[in-house]
Amino acid sequence: MKIIINTIAALLITFSLSGCIVVGGDDWRDDHNDNWRSHQRDNLSTINQLEINDSRSSVVEQLGAPDFSEAFERNGDSYRVLFYRTQHRHSDGETTKDETTPLVFRDNKLVGWGNDALRAVR
């Protein structure tokens, strides 16, 4: 009899001490969506304030690490292309190059941005 009472008491204590967690709605999803939207807006705003001949280090300091990066040489000049996400196209959770704006640097100086600038140096 004593074992049954102790078991019931242990079960009551266990259940009374356990917590209950309620996750409501899609708040985490909204935070995630707001985060990438905000990031894109910030990138676009910063890119729109850049000036030709800005140094690559200055641009990276303002924008952070790029989503993609490429480098090549052409006619004795070194080119670096940094791609920053600025537009949403696919709801797949991944950033692809068609969702980015390329920033083109020749010898570590900004010479242009956008797809036209990239085509011009390729």
C-alpha atoms as a PDB file:
ATOM      1  CA  MET A   1       0.000   0.000   0.000  1.00  0.00           C
ATOM      2  CA  LYS A   2       2.855   2.308   0.902  1.00  0.00           C
ATOM      3  CA  ILE A   3       4.472   1.632  -2.505  1.00  0.00           C
ATOM      4  CA  ILE A   4       1.284   2.644  -4.342  1.00  0.00           C
ATOM      5  CA  ILE A   5       0.974   5.897  -2.350  1.00  0.00           C
ATOM      6  CA  ASN A   6       4.653   6.717  -2.964  1.00  0.00           C
ATOM      7  CA  THR A   7       4.287   5.982  -6.685  1.00  0.00           C
ATOM      8  CA  ILE A   8       1.186   8.185  -6.982  1.00  0.00           C
ATOM      9  CA  ALA A   9       2.927  10.965  -5.038  1.00  0.00           C
ATOM     10  CA  ALA A  10       5.988  10.721  -7.286  1.00  0.00           C
ATOM     11  CA  LEU A  11       3.815  10.892 -10.421  1.00  0.00           C
ATOM     12  CA  LEU A  12       1.888  13.920  -9.108  1.00  0.00           C
ATOM     13  CA  ILE A  13       5.121  15.724  -8.242  1.00  0.00           C
ATOM     14  CA  THR A  14       6.614  14.874 -11.635  1.00  0.00           C
ATOM     15  CA  PHE A  15       3.607  16.194 -13.556  1.00  0.00           C
ATOM     16  CA  SER A  16       3.278  19.302 -11.406  1.00  0.00           C
ATOM     17  CA  LEU A  17       6.947  20.200 -11.945  1.00  0.00           C
ATOM     18  CA  SER A  18       6.932  19.691 -15.691  1.00  0.00           C
ATOM     19  CA  GLY A  19       6.434  22.822 -17.777  1.00  0.00           C
ATOM     20  CA  CYS A  20       4.286  23.477 -20.740  1.00  0.00           C
ATOM     21  CA  ILE A  21       5.598  25.283 -23.779  1.00  0.00           C
ATOM     22  CA  VAL A  22       3.222  26.831 -26.254  1.00  0.00           C
ATOM     23  CA  VAL A  23       4.563  27.983 -29.585  1.00  0.00           C
ATOM     24  CA  GLY A  24       2.126  30.322 -31.187  1.00  0.00           C
ATOM     25  CA  GLY A  25       1.751  31.079 -34.844  1.00  0.00           C
ATOM     26  CA  ASP A  26       4.532  31.613 -37.336  1.00  0.00           C
ATOM     27  CA  ASP A  27       6.392  34.322 -35.417  1.00  0.00           C
ATOM     28  CA  TRP A  28       9.743  32.624 -36.060  1.00  0.00           C
ATOM     29  CA  ARG A  29       8.953  32.518 -39.762  1.00  0.00           C
ATOM     30  CA  ASP A  30       8.029  36.220 -39.738  1.00  0.00           C
ATOM     31  CA  ASP A  31      11.288  37.060 -37.961  1.00  0.00           C
ATOM     32  CA  HIS A  32      13.237  35.039 -40.546  1.00  0.00           C
ATOM     33  CA  ASN A  33      11.418  36.742 -43.445  1.00  0.00           C
ATOM     34  CA  ASP A  34      11.929  40.174 -41.933  1.00  0.00           C
ATOM     35  CA  ASN A  35      15.620  39.382 -41.461  1.00  0.00           C
ATOM     36  CA  TRP A  36      16.383  38.609 -45.118  1.00  0.00           C
ATOM     37  CA  ARG A  37      14.122  41.417 -46.299  1.00  0.00           C
ATOM     38  CA  SER A  38      15.884  43.861 -44.028  1.00  0.00           C
ATOM     39  CA  HIS A  39      19.278  42.514 -45.127  1.00  0.00           C
ATOM     40  CA  GLN A  40      18.368  42.997 -48.801  1.00  0.00           C
ATOM     41  CA  ARG A  41      17.081  46.527 -48.167  1.00  0.00           C
ATOM     42  CA  ASP A  42      20.230  47.433 -46.246  1.00  0.00           C
ATOM     43  CA  ASN A  43      22.470  46.022 -48.993  1.00  0.00           C
ATOM     44  CA  LEU A  44      20.608  47.896 -51.721  1.00  0.00           C
ATOM     45  CA  SER A  45      20.653  51.136 -49.750  1.00  0.00           C
ATOM     46  CA  THR A  46      24.400  50.856 -49.139  1.00  0.00           C
ATOM     47  CA  ILE A  47      25.135  49.935 -52.763  1.00  0.00           C
ATOM     48  CA  ASN A  48      23.148  52.953 -53.936  1.00  0.00           C
ATOM     49  CA  GLN A  49      25.470  55.188 -51.900  1.00  0.00           C
ATOM     50  CA  LEU A  50      28.721  53.754 -53.254  1.00  0.00           C
ATOM     51  CA  GLU A  51      31.028  55.821 -55.421  1.00  0.00           C
ATOM     52  CA  ILE A  52      33.200  54.766 -58.333  1.00  0.00           C
ATOM     53  CA  ASN A  53      36.807  54.250 -57.126  1.00  0.00           C
ATOM     54  CA  ASP A  54      35.743  53.247 -53.589  1.00  0.00           C
ATOM     55  CA  SER A  55      38.235  50.704 -52.286  1.00  0.00           C
ATOM     56  CA  ARG A  56      37.238  47.065 -52.000  1.00  0.00           C
ATOM     57  CA  SER A  57      38.123  47.057 -48.305  1.00  0.00           C
ATOM     58  CA  SER A  58      35.862  50.075 -47.694  1.00  0.00           C
ATOM     59  CA  VAL A  59      32.960  48.407 -49.495  1.00  0.00           C
ATOM     60  CA  VAL A  60      33.396  45.122 -47.623  1.00  0.00           C
ATOM     61  CA  GLU A  61      33.559  47.070 -44.360  1.00  0.00           C
ATOM     62  CA  GLN A  62      30.190  48.641 -45.184  1.00  0.00           C
ATOM     63  CA  LEU A  63      28.447  45.564 -46.611  1.00  0.00           C
ATOM     64  CA  GLY A  64      30.174  42.680 -44.849  1.00  0.00           C
ATOM     65  CA  ALA A  65      31.116  39.408 -46.478  1.00  0.00           C
ATOM     66  CA  PRO A  66      29.639  38.903 -49.955  1.00  0.00           C
ATOM     67  CA  ASP A  67      27.268  36.076 -50.816  1.00  0.00           C
ATOM     68  CA  PHE A  68      29.515  35.106 -53.734  1.00  0.00           C
ATOM     69  CA  SER A  69      32.900  36.209 -55.007  1.00  0.00           C
ATOM     70  CA  GLU A  70      34.771  35.741 -58.274  1.00  0.00           C
ATOM     71  CA  ALA A  71      38.185  36.862 -59.484  1.00  0.00           C
ATOM     72  CA  PHE A  72      39.861  36.936 -62.879  1.00  0.00           C
ATOM     73  CA  GLU A  73      42.499  38.770 -64.888  1.00  0.00           C
ATOM     74  CA  ARG A  74      41.903  40.577 -68.144  1.00  0.00           C
ATOM     75  CA  ASN A  75      44.454  42.578 -70.157  1.00  0.00           C
ATOM     76  CA  GLY A  76      46.857  42.733 -67.219  1.00  0.00           C
ATOM     77  CA  ASP A  77      44.224  44.002 -64.754  1.00  0.00           C
ATOM     78  CA  SER A  78      42.997  42.014 -61.752  1.00  0.00           C
ATOM     79  CA  TYR A  79      39.237  41.918 -61.305  1.00  0.00           C
ATOM     80  CA  ARG A  80      37.241  40.891 -58.274  1.00  0.00           C
ATOM     81  CA  VAL A  81      33.464  40.639 -58.378  1.00  0.00           C
ATOM     82  CA  LEU A  82      31.538  40.598 -55.101  1.00  0.00           C
ATOM     83  CA  PHE A  83      27.881  39.594 -55.188  1.00  0.00           C
ATOM     84  CA  TYR A  84      25.462  40.904 -52.537  1.00  0.00           C
ATOM     85  CA  ARG A  85      21.848  39.813 -52.162  1.00  0.00           C
ATOM     86  CA  THR A  86      19.477  42.631 -53.101  1.00  0.00           C
ATOM     87  CA  GLN A  87      16.350  40.964 -54.493  1.00  0.00           C
ATOM     88  CA  HIS A  88      14.143  37.996 -53.715  1.00  0.00           C
ATOM     89  CA  ARG A  89      13.373  35.615 -56.582  1.00  0.00           C
ATOM     90  CA  HIS A  90      13.139  32.076 -55.170  1.00  0.00           C
ATOM     91  CA  SER A  91      11.495  30.891 -51.970  1.00  0.00           C
ATOM     92  CA  ASP A  92      13.926  28.027 -51.530  1.00  0.00           C
ATOM     93  CA  GLY A  93      15.927  29.327 -48.569  1.00  0.00           C
ATOM     94  CA  GLU A  94      19.081  29.673 -50.673  1.00  0.00           C
ATOM     95  CA  THR A  95      20.667  32.750 -52.187  1.00  0.00           C
ATOM     96  CA  THR A  96      21.430  32.405 -55.884  1.00  0.00           C
ATOM     97  CA  LYS A  97      23.378  34.781 -58.114  1.00  0.00           C
ATOM     98  CA  ASP A  98      20.233  36.034 -59.836  1.00  0.00           C
ATOM     99  CA  GLU A  99      19.178  37.416 -56.435  1.00  0.00           C
ATOM    100  CA  THR A 100      22.367  39.447 -56.075  1.00  0.00           C
ATOM    101  CA  THR A 101      23.944  42.618 -57.402  1.00  0.00           C
ATOM    102  CA  PRO A 102      27.525  42.256 -58.629  1.00  0.00           C
ATOM    103  CA  LEU A 103      30.092  44.869 -57.557  1.00  0.00           C
ATOM    104  CA  VAL A 104      33.054  44.980 -59.947  1.00  0.00           C
ATOM    105  CA  PHE A 105      36.520  45.969 -58.742  1.00  0.00           C
ATOM    106  CA  ARG A 106      39.557  46.470 -60.953  1.00  0.00           C
ATOM    107  CA  ASP A 107      42.815  46.453 -59.003  1.00  0.00           C
ATOM    108  CA  ASN A 108      40.796  46.803 -55.760  1.00  0.00           C
ATOM    109  CA  LYS A 109      38.915  49.926 -56.902  1.00  0.00           C
ATOM    110  CA  LEU A 110      35.179  49.895 -57.606  1.00  0.00           C
ATOM    111  CA  VAL A 111      34.585  50.363 -61.336  1.00  0.00           C
ATOM    112  CA  GLY A 112      30.844  49.632 -61.400  1.00  0.00           C
ATOM    113  CA  TRP A 113      27.976  47.535 -60.158  1.00  0.00           C
ATOM    114  CA  GLY A 114      25.111  45.663 -61.716  1.00  0.00           C
ATOM    115  CA  ASN A 115      24.934  43.120 -64.500  1.00  0.00           C
ATOM    116  CA  ASP A 116      25.845  45.635 -67.208  1.00  0.00           C
ATOM    117  CA  ALA A 117      29.079  46.507 -65.397  1.00  0.00           C
ATOM    118  CA  LEU A 118      29.902  42.808 -65.059  1.00  0.00           C
ATOM    119  CA  ARG A 119      29.203  42.117 -68.747  1.00  0.00           C
ATOM    120  CA  ALA A 120      31.400  45.058 -69.740  1.00  0.00           C
ATOM    121  CA  VAL A 121      34.515  43.593 -68.109  1.00  0.00           C
ATOM    122  CA  ARG A 122      33.963  39.979 -69.129  1.00  0.00           C
END
